[in-house]
Amino acid sequence: MKLSIVIPAYNEAESIGETLHAIYDKLKTTNINHQILVINDNSKDNTLEVISSLQKLIPTLEVITNKSPNGFGYAVRVGLENFDGDCVAVVMADLSDSPDDIVRFYHKMQEGYDCVFGTRWSKGGKVYDYPTHKLYLNRFFNNIVRLLFGIKYNDITNAFKMYKRETIQGIQPFLSPHFNLTVELPLKAIIRGYTYTVLPNSWTNRKHGVSKLKIREMGSRYFFILLYCLIEKFFARGDFNKKWD
């Protein structure tokens, strides 16, 4: 089973090199057949030059520039349209996600699940230097999602998740242009009947640069995609559900 890693990157010149080396070294050491696909989201710094220079050292590294429209969701969607693996994980460019978790999730997916979701807030999950204001908003929103959708999964906004190719194909089309894509993907998978399991994962705050997530801008976008998924859950009558063999 070939694993694709999709990494959206906007102005990540200071972080992307360390991230790519760490992921490649871990996947090479564990003999996982893989593709590392970076989506340069029209960066204004020298992110693209850094990635291009690393292609000589990392043979599994590929890069696509998403010229416009830009945004986290748009960049990830470009990656999900172009990856060539049997399964795919979305990983942050700032090394907030652990390469060790990538390996664990990959092996868990081989047990037959359609998706493997990460949680930072259950036993075994870890967070390092998580902003306090972001923590309160995170738990508030995730608890709303749990109540509305009747699910036990407690970290729907966690971007670190892994999907089979067939799952990605089955939960299209994608609507979210920004970070609300991290909510759209798993909710659609759950609503449409794809199997999933949850593993603890770790999150570490970035060493360089600033977070691209703007909470004030994202509030209404999160609730829009939440409403959209609720409408599908209660009114689509299973029209988009997974077709079982």
Protein backbone atom coordinates (compact mmCIF):
# COMPACT_ATOMS: atom_id res chain seq x y z
CA MET A 1 0.00 0.00 0.00
CA LYS A 2 1.57 3.26 -1.14
CA LEU A 3 1.22 6.22 1.19
CA SER A 4 0.96 9.81 -0.04
CA ILE A 5 1.69 12.74 2.25
CA VAL A 6 0.00 15.99 1.21
CA ILE A 7 1.62 19.09 2.74
CA PRO A 8 0.11 22.54 2.09
CA ALA A 9 2.75 25.24 2.44
CA TYR A 10 2.38 29.02 2.49
CA ASN A 11 5.46 31.06 3.46
CA GLU A 12 7.07 28.12 5.24
CA ALA A 13 10.68 28.59 4.08
CA GLU A 14 11.96 28.44 7.68
CA SER A 15 10.10 25.24 8.56
CA ILE A 16 9.60 23.17 5.43
CA GLY A 17 13.15 21.81 5.16
CA GLU A 18 13.18 20.31 8.65
CA THR A 19 9.68 18.93 8.13
CA LEU A 20 10.50 17.22 4.83
CA HIS A 21 13.74 15.71 6.10
CA ALA A 22 12.03 14.36 9.24
CA ILE A 23 9.16 12.77 7.30
CA TYR A 24 11.36 11.30 4.58
CA ASP A 25 13.89 9.88 7.03
CA LYS A 26 11.16 8.20 9.06
CA LEU A 27 9.36 6.71 6.04
CA LYS A 28 12.62 5.54 4.48
CA THR A 29 13.79 3.94 7.74
CA THR A 30 10.48 2.07 8.10
CA ASN A 31 10.50 0.98 4.42
CA ILE A 32 7.13 2.56 3.62
CA ASN A 33 6.51 3.09 -0.10
CA HIS A 34 5.49 6.71 -0.29
CA GLN A 35 5.09 10.02 -2.09
CA ILE A 36 5.62 13.41 -0.41
CA LEU A 37 3.53 15.98 -2.28
CA VAL A 38 3.98 19.60 -1.23
CA ILE A 39 1.45 22.15 -2.46
CA ASN A 40 3.14 25.54 -2.54
CA ASP A 41 0.20 27.88 -1.96
CA ASN A 42 1.65 30.79 -3.96
CA SER A 43 4.16 31.58 -1.20
CA LYS A 44 5.64 35.09 -1.12
CA ASP A 45 8.94 34.00 0.42
CA ASN A 46 11.41 31.44 -0.95
CA THR A 47 9.42 28.36 0.08
CA LEU A 48 9.35 27.08 -3.49
CA GLU A 49 13.13 27.45 -3.87
CA VAL A 50 13.75 25.54 -0.63
CA ILE A 51 11.47 22.68 -1.71
CA SER A 52 12.97 22.51 -5.20
CA SER A 53 16.51 22.32 -3.80
CA LEU A 54 15.50 19.42 -1.55
CA GLN A 55 14.24 17.32 -4.47
CA LYS A 56 17.85 16.36 -5.14
CA LEU A 57 18.11 14.89 -1.63
CA ILE A 58 14.57 13.51 -1.27
CA PRO A 59 13.70 11.39 -4.33
CA THR A 60 10.07 10.90 -3.28
CA LEU A 61 9.42 14.65 -3.04
CA GLU A 62 7.14 16.37 -5.56
CA VAL A 63 5.86 19.94 -5.62
CA ILE A 64 2.88 21.67 -7.22
CA THR A 65 2.27 25.41 -7.02
CA ASN A 66 -1.32 26.40 -6.36
CA LYS A 67 -1.32 29.81 -8.00
CA SER A 68 -4.93 30.82 -7.29
CA PRO A 69 -7.31 30.85 -5.62
CA ASN A 70 -5.25 30.49 -2.48
CA GLY A 71 -6.06 29.23 0.99
CA PHE A 72 -5.38 26.17 3.12
CA GLY A 73 -8.42 24.30 1.82
CA TYR A 74 -7.70 25.09 -1.81
CA ALA A 75 -4.10 23.90 -1.42
CA VAL A 76 -5.12 20.64 0.24
CA ARG A 77 -7.75 20.06 -2.43
CA VAL A 78 -5.07 20.37 -5.12
CA GLY A 79 -3.10 17.73 -3.26
CA LEU A 80 -6.10 15.43 -2.97
CA GLU A 81 -6.66 15.75 -6.72
CA ASN A 82 -3.07 14.84 -7.58
CA PHE A 83 -1.72 12.29 -5.07
CA ASP A 84 -0.89 8.84 -6.45
CA GLY A 85 -0.93 6.66 -3.33
CA ASP A 86 -3.44 4.09 -2.13
CA CYS A 87 -3.98 6.22 0.97
CA VAL A 88 -3.23 9.80 1.89
CA ALA A 89 -2.46 11.84 4.99
CA VAL A 90 -2.65 15.62 5.30
CA VAL A 91 0.35 16.87 7.26
CA MET A 92 1.31 20.39 8.32
CA ALA A 93 4.42 22.07 6.92
CA ASP A 94 5.54 23.40 10.33
CA LEU A 95 6.39 19.98 11.85
CA SER A 96 3.50 20.24 14.31
CA ASP A 97 2.62 16.66 13.31
CA SER A 98 4.91 13.79 14.30
CA PRO A 99 6.45 11.51 11.64
CA ASP A 100 6.13 8.68 14.19
CA ASP A 101 2.36 9.17 14.12
CA ILE A 102 2.34 8.93 10.33
CA VAL A 103 3.87 5.46 10.59
CA ARG A 104 1.42 4.33 13.30
CA PHE A 105 -1.58 5.56 11.33
CA TYR A 106 -0.33 3.88 8.15
CA HIS A 107 -0.01 0.50 9.86
CA LYS A 108 -3.44 0.90 11.47
CA MET A 109 -5.02 1.65 8.10
CA GLN A 110 -3.65 -1.63 6.78
CA GLU A 111 -6.10 -3.38 9.12
CA GLY A 112 -8.84 -2.40 6.67
CA TYR A 113 -10.23 0.92 7.87
CA ASP A 114 -11.36 3.57 5.37
CA CYS A 115 -10.05 6.36 7.61
CA VAL A 116 -7.78 6.80 10.61
CA PHE A 117 -8.45 9.94 12.65
CA GLY A 118 -6.15 11.54 15.19
CA THR A 119 -7.08 12.86 18.62
CA ARG A 120 -4.91 15.07 20.79
CA TRP A 121 -7.38 15.07 23.68
CA SER A 122 -7.77 11.40 24.65
CA LYS A 123 -5.45 9.07 26.55
CA GLY A 124 -2.10 8.96 24.79
CA GLY A 125 -2.62 12.24 22.93
CA LYS A 126 -0.15 15.03 23.58
CA VAL A 127 0.02 18.77 22.93
CA TYR A 128 3.03 21.01 23.39
CA ASP A 129 2.70 24.78 23.75
CA TYR A 130 -0.95 24.88 22.63
CA PRO A 131 -2.30 28.48 22.83
CA THR A 132 -4.80 28.82 25.69
CA HIS A 133 -7.42 30.84 23.81
CA LYS A 134 -7.26 28.38 20.93
CA LEU A 135 -7.70 25.47 23.36
CA TYR A 136 -10.99 26.84 24.75
CA LEU A 137 -12.41 27.48 21.30
CA ASN A 138 -11.26 24.08 20.10
CA ARG A 139 -12.98 22.18 22.90
CA PHE A 140 -16.15 24.28 22.59
CA PHE A 141 -16.52 23.65 18.87
CA ASN A 142 -15.62 19.96 19.07
CA ASN A 143 -18.17 19.37 21.80
CA ILE A 144 -20.84 21.03 19.65
CA VAL A 145 -19.95 18.69 16.80
CA ARG A 146 -20.14 15.63 19.05
CA LEU A 147 -23.61 16.60 20.28
CA LEU A 148 -25.04 17.54 16.89
CA PHE A 149 -23.78 14.45 15.07
CA GLY A 150 -24.02 11.94 17.91
CA ILE A 151 -20.40 10.81 17.64
CA LYS A 152 -17.77 10.04 20.26
CA TYR A 153 -14.84 11.38 18.26
CA ASN A 154 -13.60 14.47 20.11
CA ASP A 155 -11.09 16.14 17.75
CA ILE A 156 -12.84 16.74 14.44
CA THR A 157 -10.80 19.93 13.81
CA ASN A 158 -7.52 18.02 14.01
CA ALA A 159 -6.02 18.23 10.52
CA PHE A 160 -3.95 15.08 11.01
CA LYS A 161 -5.97 12.27 9.47
CA MET A 162 -5.45 9.50 6.93
CA TYR A 163 -7.85 8.32 4.22
CA LYS A 164 -7.95 5.58 1.62
CA ARG A 165 -8.05 6.74 -1.98
CA GLU A 166 -11.57 5.32 -2.35
CA THR A 167 -12.70 7.36 0.64
CA ILE A 168 -11.40 10.60 -0.82
CA GLN A 169 -13.19 9.82 -4.06
CA GLY A 170 -16.40 8.98 -2.20
CA ILE A 171 -16.63 12.16 -0.11
CA GLN A 172 -16.29 14.60 -2.99
CA PRO A 173 -17.08 17.26 -4.07
CA PHE A 174 -15.25 19.44 -1.56
CA LEU A 175 -16.59 22.88 -0.66
CA SER A 176 -14.23 24.31 1.93
CA PRO A 177 -11.59 26.79 0.75
CA HIS A 178 -9.89 27.25 4.11
CA PHE A 179 -9.23 25.40 7.38
CA ASN A 180 -12.86 24.30 7.54
CA LEU A 181 -11.82 21.53 5.14
CA THR A 182 -10.43 19.74 8.22
CA VAL A 183 -14.04 19.47 9.43
CA GLU A 184 -15.66 18.73 6.07
CA LEU A 185 -13.54 15.68 5.22
CA PRO A 186 -14.11 13.58 8.37
CA LEU A 187 -17.76 14.57 8.81
CA LYS A 188 -18.60 13.55 5.27
CA ALA A 189 -16.74 10.28 5.73
CA ILE A 190 -18.66 9.53 8.93
CA ILE A 191 -22.04 10.58 7.51
CA ARG A 192 -21.54 8.55 4.34
CA GLY A 193 -20.75 5.36 6.21
CA TYR A 194 -17.01 4.97 5.77
CA THR A 195 -15.31 3.00 8.49
CA TYR A 196 -12.90 4.77 10.78
CA THR A 197 -10.87 4.34 13.92
CA VAL A 198 -9.26 6.89 16.21
CA LEU A 199 -5.67 6.94 17.44
CA PRO A 200 -3.98 9.41 19.79
CA ASN A 201 -1.48 11.73 18.15
CA SER A 202 0.77 14.56 19.24
CA TRP A 203 0.81 18.22 18.27
CA THR A 204 3.73 20.62 18.76
CA ASN A 205 3.51 24.36 18.24
CA ARG A 206 5.59 25.74 15.38
CA LYS A 207 9.16 26.93 15.95
CA HIS A 208 9.16 29.46 13.11
CA GLY A 209 6.70 31.91 11.58
CA VAL A 210 3.08 32.41 12.59
CA SER A 211 0.00 30.24 12.37
CA LYS A 212 -2.04 30.64 9.19
CA LEU A 213 -5.29 29.96 11.07
CA LYS A 214 -7.17 33.21 11.70
CA ILE A 215 -9.83 32.35 14.27
CA ARG A 216 -12.00 35.45 13.75
CA GLU A 217 -12.14 34.83 10.03
CA MET A 218 -12.81 31.12 10.36
CA GLY A 219 -15.74 31.06 12.81
CA SER A 220 -18.52 31.53 10.27
CA ARG A 221 -16.79 29.22 7.79
CA TYR A 222 -16.65 26.40 10.33
CA PHE A 223 -20.33 26.80 11.12
CA PHE A 224 -21.22 26.95 7.43
CA ILE A 225 -19.65 23.56 6.72
CA LEU A 226 -21.16 22.19 9.94
CA LEU A 227 -24.63 23.23 8.74
CA TYR A 228 -23.96 21.77 5.30
CA CYS A 229 -23.00 18.41 6.78
CA LEU A 230 -26.05 18.45 9.07
CA ILE A 231 -28.31 18.99 6.08
CA GLU A 232 -26.73 16.02 4.33
CA LYS A 233 -27.01 13.86 7.44
CA PHE A 234 -30.72 14.48 7.96
CA PHE A 235 -32.06 15.13 4.48
CA ALA A 236 -29.89 13.38 1.86
CA ARG A 237 -31.54 10.01 2.62
CA GLY A 238 -28.27 8.17 2.08
CA ASP A 239 -27.91 9.21 -1.55
CA PHE A 240 -24.18 9.81 -1.08
CA ASN A 241 -23.42 6.88 1.19
CA LYS A 242 -20.61 4.43 0.59
CA LYS A 243 -21.56 1.73 -1.85
CA TRP A 244 -20.64 -1.59 -0.25
CA ASP A 245 -19.39 -4.43 -2.42
